[in-house]
C-alpha atoms as a PDB file:
ATOM      1  CA  MET A   1      10.816  -0.851 -31.743  1.00  0.00           C
ATOM      2  CA  PRO A   2      13.392   1.344 -33.532  1.00  0.00           C
ATOM      3  CA  GLU A   3      12.429   4.987 -33.469  1.00  0.00           C
ATOM      4  CA  LEU A   4      13.491   7.848 -35.764  1.00  0.00           C
ATOM      5  CA  PRO A   5      17.118   8.087 -34.590  1.00  0.00           C
ATOM      6  CA  GLU A   6      17.671   4.354 -35.028  1.00  0.00           C
ATOM      7  CA  VAL A   7      16.172   4.296 -38.517  1.00  0.00           C
ATOM      8  CA  GLU A   8      18.114   7.401 -39.556  1.00  0.00           C
ATOM      9  CA  THR A   9      21.315   5.816 -38.246  1.00  0.00           C
ATOM     10  CA  VAL A  10      20.650   2.689 -40.311  1.00  0.00           C
ATOM     11  CA  ARG A  11      19.905   4.837 -43.366  1.00  0.00           C
ATOM     12  CA  ARG A  12      23.211   6.659 -43.035  1.00  0.00           C
ATOM     13  CA  GLY A  13      25.042   3.378 -42.597  1.00  0.00           C
ATOM     14  CA  LEU A  14      23.480   1.752 -45.634  1.00  0.00           C
ATOM     15  CA  ALA A  15      23.745   4.755 -48.001  1.00  0.00           C
ATOM     16  CA  PRO A  16      27.414   4.276 -49.008  1.00  0.00           C
ATOM     17  CA  SER A  17      26.736   0.731 -50.195  1.00  0.00           C
ATOM     18  CA  LEU A  18      23.318   1.341 -51.770  1.00  0.00           C
ATOM     19  CA  GLU A  19      23.020   4.799 -53.272  1.00  0.00           C
ATOM     20  CA  GLY A  20      23.952   4.865 -56.903  1.00  0.00           C
ATOM     21  CA  GLN A  21      24.547   1.117 -56.891  1.00  0.00           C
ATOM     22  CA  VAL A  22      22.864  -1.707 -58.804  1.00  0.00           C
ATOM     23  CA  ILE A  23      21.186  -4.678 -57.094  1.00  0.00           C
ATOM     24  CA  ALA A  24      22.811  -7.532 -58.985  1.00  0.00           C
ATOM     25  CA  ARG A  25      20.538 -10.078 -57.369  1.00  0.00           C
ATOM     26  CA  ALA A  26      17.745  -9.899 -54.846  1.00  0.00           C
ATOM     27  CA  GLU A  27      17.188 -12.992 -52.694  1.00  0.00           C
ATOM     28  CA  VAL A  28      13.790 -13.340 -51.005  1.00  0.00           C
ATOM     29  CA  ASN A  29      13.692 -16.344 -48.709  1.00  0.00           C
ATOM     30  CA  ARG A  30      10.071 -16.356 -47.551  1.00  0.00           C
ATOM     31  CA  PRO A  31       6.695 -15.087 -48.867  1.00  0.00           C
ATOM     32  CA  ASP A  32       6.014 -12.577 -46.106  1.00  0.00           C
ATOM     33  CA  LEU A  33       7.019 -10.768 -42.958  1.00  0.00           C
ATOM     34  CA  ARG A  34       4.302  -8.880 -41.098  1.00  0.00           C
ATOM     35  CA  TRP A  35       2.398  -8.756 -44.413  1.00  0.00           C
ATOM     36  CA  PRO A  36       2.953 -10.645 -47.675  1.00  0.00           C
ATOM     37  CA  PHE A  37       5.723  -9.344 -49.882  1.00  0.00           C
ATOM     38  CA  PRO A  38       4.628  -7.731 -53.171  1.00  0.00           C
ATOM     39  CA  GLU A  39       4.389 -10.043 -56.170  1.00  0.00           C
ATOM     40  CA  ARG A  40       7.697 -10.923 -57.845  1.00  0.00           C
ATOM     41  CA  MET A  41       9.608  -8.737 -55.417  1.00  0.00           C
ATOM     42  CA  ALA A  42      12.937 -10.451 -56.147  1.00  0.00           C
ATOM     43  CA  ASP A  43      12.536  -9.971 -59.905  1.00  0.00           C
ATOM     44  CA  ARG A  44      11.449  -6.331 -59.529  1.00  0.00           C
ATOM     45  CA  LEU A  45      14.513  -5.536 -57.384  1.00  0.00           C
ATOM     46  CA  THR A  46      17.085  -7.419 -59.417  1.00  0.00           C
ATOM     47  CA  CYS A  47      19.059  -5.161 -61.801  1.00  0.00           C
ATOM     48  CA  ALA A  48      17.485  -2.000 -60.371  1.00  0.00           C
ATOM     49  CA  ARG A  49      19.745   0.893 -59.436  1.00  0.00           C
ATOM     50  CA  VAL A  50      19.183   2.579 -56.069  1.00  0.00           C
ATOM     51  CA  LEU A  51      18.897   6.263 -56.917  1.00  0.00           C
ATOM     52  CA  ALA A  52      18.430   7.470 -53.367  1.00  0.00           C
ATOM     53  CA  LEU A  53      17.948   6.127 -49.855  1.00  0.00           C
ATOM     54  CA  ARG A  54      15.598   8.263 -47.784  1.00  0.00           C
ATOM     55  CA  ARG A  55      13.717   8.062 -44.507  1.00  0.00           C
ATOM     56  CA  ARG A  56      10.094   8.966 -43.811  1.00  0.00           C
ATOM     57  CA  SER A  57       9.181   8.656 -40.139  1.00  0.00           C
ATOM     58  CA  LYS A  58      10.320   5.124 -39.197  1.00  0.00           C
ATOM     59  CA  TYR A  59      10.376   3.852 -42.796  1.00  0.00           C
ATOM     60  CA  LEU A  60      13.408   3.513 -45.077  1.00  0.00           C
ATOM     61  CA  LEU A  61      12.659   4.394 -48.692  1.00  0.00           C
ATOM     62  CA  ALA A  62      14.908   3.185 -51.511  1.00  0.00           C
ATOM     63  CA  ASP A  63      14.043   4.979 -54.760  1.00  0.00           C
ATOM     64  CA  LEU A  64      14.810   2.679 -57.728  1.00  0.00           C
ATOM     65  CA  SER A  65      15.617   3.288 -61.368  1.00  0.00           C
ATOM     66  CA  THR A  66      12.549   1.211 -62.284  1.00  0.00           C
ATOM     67  CA  GLY A  67      10.229   3.998 -61.034  1.00  0.00           C
ATOM     68  CA  GLU A  68       9.372   2.132 -57.864  1.00  0.00           C
ATOM     69  CA  THR A  69      10.354   2.726 -54.256  1.00  0.00           C
ATOM     70  CA  LEU A  70      11.160  -0.080 -51.830  1.00  0.00           C
ATOM     71  CA  ILE A  71       9.474   0.651 -48.483  1.00  0.00           C
ATOM     72  CA  ILE A  72      11.203  -0.958 -45.480  1.00  0.00           C
ATOM     73  CA  HIS A  73      10.047  -1.079 -41.862  1.00  0.00           C
ATOM     74  CA  LEU A  74      12.329  -2.742 -39.342  1.00  0.00           C
ATOM     75  CA  GLY A  75       9.561  -3.761 -36.927  1.00  0.00           C
ATOM     76  CA  MET A  76      10.589  -4.855 -33.460  1.00  0.00           C
ATOM     77  CA  SER A  77      13.599  -7.014 -34.226  1.00  0.00           C
ATOM     78  CA  GLY A  78      14.517  -6.258 -37.824  1.00  0.00           C
ATOM     79  CA  ARG A  79      18.149  -5.480 -38.703  1.00  0.00           C
ATOM     80  CA  MET A  80      19.679  -4.340 -41.936  1.00  0.00           C
ATOM     81  CA  THR A  81      23.384  -4.955 -42.039  1.00  0.00           C
ATOM     82  CA  VAL A  82      26.127  -4.553 -44.635  1.00  0.00           C
ATOM     83  CA  SER A  83      29.015  -6.925 -45.269  1.00  0.00           C
ATOM     84  CA  GLY A  84      31.866  -7.036 -47.754  1.00  0.00           C
ATOM     85  CA  ASP A  85      31.685  -3.351 -48.644  1.00  0.00           C
ATOM     86  CA  PRO A  86      34.466  -2.535 -51.160  1.00  0.00           C
ATOM     87  CA  LEU A  87      34.384   1.143 -50.191  1.00  0.00           C
ATOM     88  CA  GLY A  88      35.979   0.327 -46.869  1.00  0.00           C
ATOM     89  CA  GLN A  89      33.048   1.578 -44.770  1.00  0.00           C
ATOM     90  CA  PHE A  90      32.603  -1.806 -43.111  1.00  0.00           C
ATOM     91  CA  HIS A  91      35.187  -4.285 -41.956  1.00  0.00           C
ATOM     92  CA  HIS A  92      32.954  -7.367 -41.861  1.00  0.00           C
ATOM     93  CA  ASP A  93      33.375 -10.148 -44.433  1.00  0.00           C
ATOM     94  CA  HIS A  94      30.240 -11.848 -45.695  1.00  0.00           C
ATOM     95  CA  PRO A  95      28.881 -14.000 -42.848  1.00  0.00           C
ATOM     96  CA  ALA A  96      27.322 -17.410 -43.328  1.00  0.00           C
ATOM     97  CA  PRO A  97      23.577 -17.195 -44.076  1.00  0.00           C
ATOM     98  CA  ALA A  98      21.535 -17.081 -40.874  1.00  0.00           C
ATOM     99  CA  LYS A  99      18.168 -18.585 -40.120  1.00  0.00           C
ATOM    100  CA  HIS A 100      16.275 -15.301 -40.162  1.00  0.00           C
ATOM    101  CA  ASP A 101      17.953 -13.674 -43.185  1.00  0.00           C
ATOM    102  CA  HIS A 102      14.670 -13.092 -45.036  1.00  0.00           C
ATOM    103  CA  VAL A 103      15.807 -10.672 -47.750  1.00  0.00           C
ATOM    104  CA  VAL A 104      19.362 -10.326 -49.104  1.00  0.00           C
ATOM    105  CA  LEU A 105      20.450  -7.745 -51.667  1.00  0.00           C
ATOM    106  CA  HIS A 106      23.631  -8.791 -53.480  1.00  0.00           C
ATOM    107  CA  MET A 107      25.003  -5.512 -54.817  1.00  0.00           C
ATOM    108  CA  GLU A 108      26.994  -5.166 -58.024  1.00  0.00           C
ATOM    109  CA  ASN A 109      29.758  -3.411 -56.074  1.00  0.00           C
ATOM    110  CA  GLY A 110      30.359  -6.521 -53.950  1.00  0.00           C
ATOM    111  CA  ALA A 111      28.417  -5.422 -50.876  1.00  0.00           C
ATOM    112  CA  ARG A 112      25.688  -7.562 -49.364  1.00  0.00           C
ATOM    113  CA  VAL A 113      22.765  -5.954 -47.558  1.00  0.00           C
ATOM    114  CA  THR A 114      20.837  -8.379 -45.354  1.00  0.00           C
ATOM    115  CA  PHE A 115      17.454  -7.925 -43.689  1.00  0.00           C
ATOM    116  CA  ASN A 116      17.282 -10.238 -40.682  1.00  0.00           C
ATOM    117  CA  ASP A 117      14.129 -10.316 -38.553  1.00  0.00           C
ATOM    118  CA  ALA A 118      13.684 -13.023 -35.967  1.00  0.00           C
ATOM    119  CA  ARG A 119      10.165 -12.020 -34.942  1.00  0.00           C
ATOM    120  CA  ARG A 120       8.995 -11.064 -38.426  1.00  0.00           C
ATOM    121  CA  PHE A 121       7.224  -7.832 -37.410  1.00  0.00           C
ATOM    122  CA  GLY A 122       9.101  -5.955 -40.110  1.00  0.00           C
ATOM    123  CA  ALA A 123       7.676  -5.212 -43.527  1.00  0.00           C
ATOM    124  CA  MET A 124       8.638  -4.499 -47.131  1.00  0.00           C
ATOM    125  CA  ASP A 125       6.569  -3.210 -50.012  1.00  0.00           C
ATOM    126  CA  LEU A 126       7.062  -1.709 -53.454  1.00  0.00           C
ATOM    127  CA  ALA A 127       5.122   1.322 -54.675  1.00  0.00           C
ATOM    128  CA  PRO A 128       5.362   3.721 -57.640  1.00  0.00           C
ATOM    129  CA  THR A 129       7.729   6.495 -56.572  1.00  0.00           C
ATOM    130  CA  ASP A 130       5.522   9.237 -57.951  1.00  0.00           C
ATOM    131  CA  GLN A 131       2.562   7.929 -55.912  1.00  0.00           C
ATOM    132  CA  LEU A 132       4.456   7.212 -52.709  1.00  0.00           C
ATOM    133  CA  ASP A 133       2.737   9.939 -50.672  1.00  0.00           C
ATOM    134  CA  ALA A 134      -0.567   8.195 -51.285  1.00  0.00           C
ATOM    135  CA  HIS A 135       0.640   4.775 -50.093  1.00  0.00           C
ATOM    136  CA  TRP A 136      -1.414   3.543 -47.123  1.00  0.00           C
ATOM    137  CA  LEU A 137       1.655   3.331 -44.888  1.00  0.00           C
ATOM    138  CA  ILE A 138       2.940   6.811 -45.749  1.00  0.00           C
ATOM    139  CA  LYS A 139      -0.199   8.911 -46.328  1.00  0.00           C
ATOM    140  CA  PRO A 140      -1.302   9.444 -42.699  1.00  0.00           C
ATOM    141  CA  ILE A 141       2.118  10.435 -41.354  1.00  0.00           C
ATOM    142  CA  GLY A 142       2.589  13.959 -39.986  1.00  0.00           C
ATOM    143  CA  PRO A 143       5.548  16.329 -40.514  1.00  0.00           C
ATOM    144  CA  GLU A 144       9.107  15.272 -39.830  1.00  0.00           C
ATOM    145  CA  PRO A 145      10.312  16.636 -36.447  1.00  0.00           C
ATOM    146  CA  LEU A 146      13.639  17.709 -37.948  1.00  0.00           C
ATOM    147  CA  GLY A 147      11.974  19.445 -40.909  1.00  0.00           C
ATOM    148  CA  ASN A 148      10.720  22.996 -41.364  1.00  0.00           C
ATOM    149  CA  ALA A 149       7.047  21.984 -41.317  1.00  0.00           C
ATOM    150  CA  PHE A 150       7.392  21.007 -37.669  1.00  0.00           C
ATOM    151  CA  ASN A 151       7.479  24.413 -36.052  1.00  0.00           C
ATOM    152  CA  GLU A 152       6.036  26.235 -33.044  1.00  0.00           C
ATOM    153  CA  ASP A 153       2.906  27.495 -34.845  1.00  0.00           C
ATOM    154  CA  TYR A 154       2.166  24.073 -36.245  1.00  0.00           C
ATOM    155  CA  LEU A 155       2.475  22.200 -32.952  1.00  0.00           C
ATOM    156  CA  VAL A 156       0.464  24.798 -31.001  1.00  0.00           C
ATOM    157  CA  GLY A 157      -2.318  24.455 -33.563  1.00  0.00           C
ATOM    158  CA  ALA A 158      -2.144  20.672 -33.698  1.00  0.00           C
ATOM    159  CA  LEU A 159      -2.455  20.293 -29.931  1.00  0.00           C
ATOM    160  CA  ALA A 160      -4.900  23.138 -29.198  1.00  0.00           C
ATOM    161  CA  THR A 161      -7.976  20.880 -29.066  1.00  0.00           C
ATOM    162  CA  ARG A 162      -6.349  17.572 -28.095  1.00  0.00           C
ATOM    163  CA  ASN A 163      -7.880  16.184 -24.888  1.00  0.00           C
ATOM    164  CA  THR A 164      -5.406  13.315 -24.723  1.00  0.00           C
ATOM    165  CA  PRO A 165      -2.319  13.284 -22.473  1.00  0.00           C
ATOM    166  CA  ILE A 166       0.582  15.172 -24.038  1.00  0.00           C
ATOM    167  CA  LYS A 167       2.596  11.926 -24.067  1.00  0.00           C
ATOM    168  CA  ALA A 168      -0.046  10.177 -26.212  1.00  0.00           C
ATOM    169  CA  ALA A 169      -0.363  13.208 -28.489  1.00  0.00           C
ATOM    170  CA  LEU A 170       3.351  13.258 -29.272  1.00  0.00           C
ATOM    171  CA  LEU A 171       3.299   9.527 -29.990  1.00  0.00           C
ATOM    172  CA  ASP A 172       0.521  10.036 -32.545  1.00  0.00           C
ATOM    173  CA  GLN A 173       2.273   9.648 -35.910  1.00  0.00           C
ATOM    174  CA  ARG A 174      -0.409  11.818 -37.518  1.00  0.00           C
ATOM    175  CA  ILE A 175       0.785  14.792 -35.429  1.00  0.00           C
ATOM    176  CA  VAL A 176       4.519  14.283 -35.725  1.00  0.00           C
ATOM    177  CA  ALA A 177       6.463  11.575 -37.543  1.00  0.00           C
ATOM    178  CA  GLY A 178       8.905   9.102 -36.036  1.00  0.00           C
ATOM    179  CA  LEU A 179       8.665   9.866 -32.341  1.00  0.00           C
ATOM    180  CA  GLY A 180       8.440   6.862 -30.069  1.00  0.00           C
ATOM    181  CA  ASN A 181       8.322   6.133 -26.388  1.00  0.00           C
ATOM    182  CA  ILE A 182      11.965   6.696 -25.511  1.00  0.00           C
ATOM    183  CA  TYR A 183      12.426  10.124 -27.049  1.00  0.00           C
ATOM    184  CA  VAL A 184       9.023  11.481 -26.012  1.00  0.00           C
ATOM    185  CA  CYS A 185       9.857  10.600 -22.406  1.00  0.00           C
ATOM    186  CA  GLU A 186      13.233  12.320 -22.721  1.00  0.00           C
ATOM    187  CA  ALA A 187      11.766  15.427 -24.434  1.00  0.00           C
ATOM    188  CA  LEU A 188       8.999  15.886 -21.867  1.00  0.00           C
ATOM    189  CA  TYR A 189      11.541  15.582 -19.062  1.00  0.00           C
ATOM    190  CA  ARG A 190      13.736  18.278 -20.548  1.00  0.00           C
ATOM    191  CA  ALA A 191      10.663  20.474 -21.048  1.00  0.00           C
ATOM    192  CA  ARG A 192       9.592  19.803 -17.444  1.00  0.00           C
ATOM    193  CA  ILE A 193       6.147  18.780 -18.671  1.00  0.00           C
ATOM    194  CA  ASN A 194       4.182  16.096 -16.858  1.00  0.00           C
ATOM    195  CA  PRO A 195       3.297  13.354 -19.367  1.00  0.00           C
ATOM    196  CA  LYS A 196      -0.202  13.050 -17.879  1.00  0.00           C
ATOM    197  CA  ARG A 197      -1.141  16.678 -18.634  1.00  0.00           C
ATOM    198  CA  LYS A 198      -3.858  17.071 -21.253  1.00  0.00           C
ATOM    199  CA  ALA A 199      -2.310  18.477 -24.400  1.00  0.00           C
ATOM    200  CA  ARG A 200      -4.848  21.275 -24.704  1.00  0.00           C
ATOM    201  CA  SER A 201      -4.257  22.382 -21.109  1.00  0.00           C
ATOM    202  CA  LEU A 202      -0.690  23.431 -21.823  1.00  0.00           C
ATOM    203  CA  SER A 203       0.071  27.073 -22.575  1.00  0.00           C
ATOM    204  CA  LYS A 204       1.153  28.046 -26.069  1.00  0.00           C
ATOM    205  CA  ALA A 205       4.609  28.864 -24.727  1.00  0.00           C
ATOM    206  CA  ARG A 206       5.071  25.426 -23.174  1.00  0.00           C
ATOM    207  CA  VAL A 207       3.922  23.650 -26.310  1.00  0.00           C
ATOM    208  CA  ALA A 208       6.174  25.840 -28.461  1.00  0.00           C
ATOM    209  CA  SER A 209       9.146  25.018 -26.194  1.00  0.00           C
ATOM    210  CA  LEU A 210       8.814  21.353 -27.152  1.00  0.00           C
ATOM    211  CA  VAL A 211       9.840  21.951 -30.773  1.00  0.00           C
ATOM    212  CA  PRO A 212      13.543  22.798 -30.197  1.00  0.00           C
ATOM    213  CA  ILE A 213      13.724  20.251 -27.365  1.00  0.00           C
ATOM    214  CA  VAL A 214      12.407  17.422 -29.546  1.00  0.00           C
ATOM    215  CA  ARG A 215      14.913  18.354 -32.249  1.00  0.00           C
ATOM    216  CA  GLU A 216      17.747  18.507 -29.701  1.00  0.00           C
ATOM    217  CA  VAL A 217      16.938  15.064 -28.240  1.00  0.00           C
ATOM    218  CA  LEU A 218      16.669  13.476 -31.689  1.00  0.00           C
ATOM    219  CA  SER A 219      19.863  15.087 -32.986  1.00  0.00           C
ATOM    220  CA  GLU A 220      21.819  13.886 -29.930  1.00  0.00           C
ATOM    221  CA  ALA A 221      20.414  10.378 -30.334  1.00  0.00           C
ATOM    222  CA  ILE A 222      21.364  10.248 -34.044  1.00  0.00           C
ATOM    223  CA  ALA A 223      24.890  11.441 -33.225  1.00  0.00           C
ATOM    224  CA  ALA A 224      25.104   8.613 -30.669  1.00  0.00           C
ATOM    225  CA  GLY A 225      23.962   6.002 -33.181  1.00  0.00           C
ATOM    226  CA  GLY A 226      20.546   5.523 -31.566  1.00  0.00           C
ATOM    227  CA  SER A 227      19.616   3.530 -28.485  1.00  0.00           C
ATOM    228  CA  SER A 228      20.254  -0.190 -28.188  1.00  0.00           C
ATOM    229  CA  LEU A 229      17.978  -1.793 -25.612  1.00  0.00           C
ATOM    230  CA  ARG A 230      17.532  -5.277 -27.064  1.00  0.00           C
ATOM    231  CA  ASP A 231      17.636  -6.007 -30.791  1.00  0.00           C
ATOM    232  CA  TYR A 232      18.738  -2.808 -32.456  1.00  0.00           C
ATOM    233  CA  ARG A 233      22.041  -2.715 -34.362  1.00  0.00           C
ATOM    234  CA  GLN A 234      23.548  -0.175 -36.695  1.00  0.00           C
ATOM    235  CA  ALA A 235      24.224  -1.125 -40.312  1.00  0.00           C
ATOM    236  CA  ASP A 236      27.745  -2.267 -39.415  1.00  0.00           C
ATOM    237  CA  GLY A 237      26.373  -4.511 -36.661  1.00  0.00           C
ATOM    238  CA  GLU A 238      27.484  -2.225 -33.803  1.00  0.00           C
ATOM    239  CA  LEU A 239      25.295  -1.022 -30.938  1.00  0.00           C
ATOM    240  CA  GLY A 240      24.009   2.498 -30.549  1.00  0.00           C
ATOM    241  CA  TYR A 241      24.891   4.139 -27.223  1.00  0.00           C
ATOM    242  CA  PHE A 242      22.394   6.963 -26.555  1.00  0.00           C
ATOM    243  CA  GLN A 243      20.917   4.775 -23.814  1.00  0.00           C
ATOM    244  CA  HIS A 244      23.939   5.570 -21.661  1.00  0.00           C
ATOM    245  CA  GLY A 245      22.788   9.207 -21.578  1.00  0.00           C
ATOM    246  CA  PHE A 246      19.132   8.662 -20.691  1.00  0.00           C
ATOM    247  CA  GLN A 247      17.973  11.319 -18.269  1.00  0.00           C
ATOM    248  CA  VAL A 248      14.691   9.618 -17.360  1.00  0.00           C
ATOM    249  CA  TYR A 249      13.862   6.630 -19.565  1.00  0.00           C
ATOM    250  CA  ASP A 250      14.268   3.244 -17.812  1.00  0.00           C
ATOM    251  CA  ARG A 251      15.483   4.975 -14.597  1.00  0.00           C
ATOM    252  CA  GLU A 252      12.571   4.069 -12.299  1.00  0.00           C
ATOM    253  CA  GLY A 253      13.530   4.635  -8.656  1.00  0.00           C
ATOM    254  CA  ALA A 254      16.649   6.634  -9.508  1.00  0.00           C
ATOM    255  CA  PRO A 255      17.126  10.232  -8.334  1.00  0.00           C
ATOM    256  CA  CYS A 256      16.037  13.015 -10.695  1.00  0.00           C
ATOM    257  CA  ARG A 257      19.027  14.580 -12.449  1.00  0.00           C
ATOM    258  CA  THR A 258      17.558  18.083 -12.519  1.00  0.00           C
ATOM    259  CA  GLU A 259      19.795  20.353 -10.461  1.00  0.00           C
ATOM    260  CA  GLY A 260      18.166  21.120  -7.129  1.00  0.00           C
ATOM    261  CA  CYS A 261      15.364  18.559  -7.558  1.00  0.00           C
ATOM    262  CA  THR A 262      15.015  15.915  -4.839  1.00  0.00           C
ATOM    263  CA  GLY A 263      12.469  13.857  -6.768  1.00  0.00           C
ATOM    264  CA  THR A 264      12.643  10.205  -7.776  1.00  0.00           C
ATOM    265  CA  ILE A 265      11.959   8.908 -11.293  1.00  0.00           C
ATOM    266  CA  ALA A 266       8.602   7.109 -11.487  1.00  0.00           C
ATOM    267  CA  ARG A 267       7.153   4.717 -14.046  1.00  0.00           C
ATOM    268  CA  ILE A 268       3.494   4.651 -15.018  1.00  0.00           C
ATOM    269  CA  PRO A 269       1.658   2.810 -17.826  1.00  0.00           C
ATOM    270  CA  GLN A 270       0.263   4.935 -20.620  1.00  0.00           C
ATOM    271  CA  SER A 271      -1.335   3.573 -23.760  1.00  0.00           C
ATOM    272  CA  GLY A 272       0.275   0.187 -23.161  1.00  0.00           C
ATOM    273  CA  ARG A 273       3.764   1.638 -22.750  1.00  0.00           C
ATOM    274  CA  SER A 274       5.904   2.569 -19.772  1.00  0.00           C
ATOM    275  CA  THR A 275       6.266   6.287 -19.136  1.00  0.00           C
ATOM    276  CA  PHE A 276       9.188   7.487 -17.060  1.00  0.00           C
ATOM    277  CA  TYR A 277       9.133  10.952 -15.472  1.00  0.00           C
ATOM    278  CA  CYS A 278       9.861  12.988 -12.366  1.00  0.00           C
ATOM    279  CA  PRO A 279       6.591  13.765 -10.539  1.00  0.00           C
ATOM    280  CA  LYS A 280       8.275  16.618  -8.658  1.00  0.00           C
ATOM    281  CA  CYS A 281       9.770  18.766 -11.385  1.00  0.00           C
ATOM    282  CA  GLN A 282       7.586  17.818 -14.366  1.00  0.00           C
ATOM    283  CA  ARG A 283       4.369  19.865 -14.045  1.00  0.00           C
END
């Protein structure tokens, strides 16, 4: 499932074709994805101007001139791609409609933004912009890891009484927004923290050290266009390439890359996901 860097990369790719532009026609080709679409979604989107395209955790948020915000979640296989952009940001002509093109935004500027989702685990909803923070998908989400609210004091306090493994705590979207399996594995490796350690057992200094490391990992991943393992594509259809720089994720049986460490990367199941770490240098 796309994590924060992938969603942020898609947001940046879509912004030139969406922000400030009018949706000339919205095409909705089925009644639902993971959940039913809101009533009259095509009509409510048509003729609306996109005032801003934002990201909250793993959600894309398109603020509209109608006073509503379009909430978009890519799910496991969802892709949002742009074609026919007159600004020259994308070189792709409009492709022929595909089987899983569930929502298509025909923009007044000539661009076409297509949401394709083969497995239909994605989602879209519309909510009043001024009430967005109370929406059931958005309300429980914790601070953004690249924002000022995610700081050393906050994380130390949030984890002080957590008896869950530190890996599970960092995956909890109520504690920090947008982190997923890949980037938590990478961050814990750089911090030399064993993913099985109980969050509350870590010293304040070790917890505090995670804040700049998490930001570093995410910033590097965004600069690389995210990680493409199976379905993920950027808005221009290209792959991300951060996966080529993984230090620990998906490297089971490979030698640890920490200088001087003779350990081997191991994989263990945690909360239904694969955790990759070095048992020797991650304590």
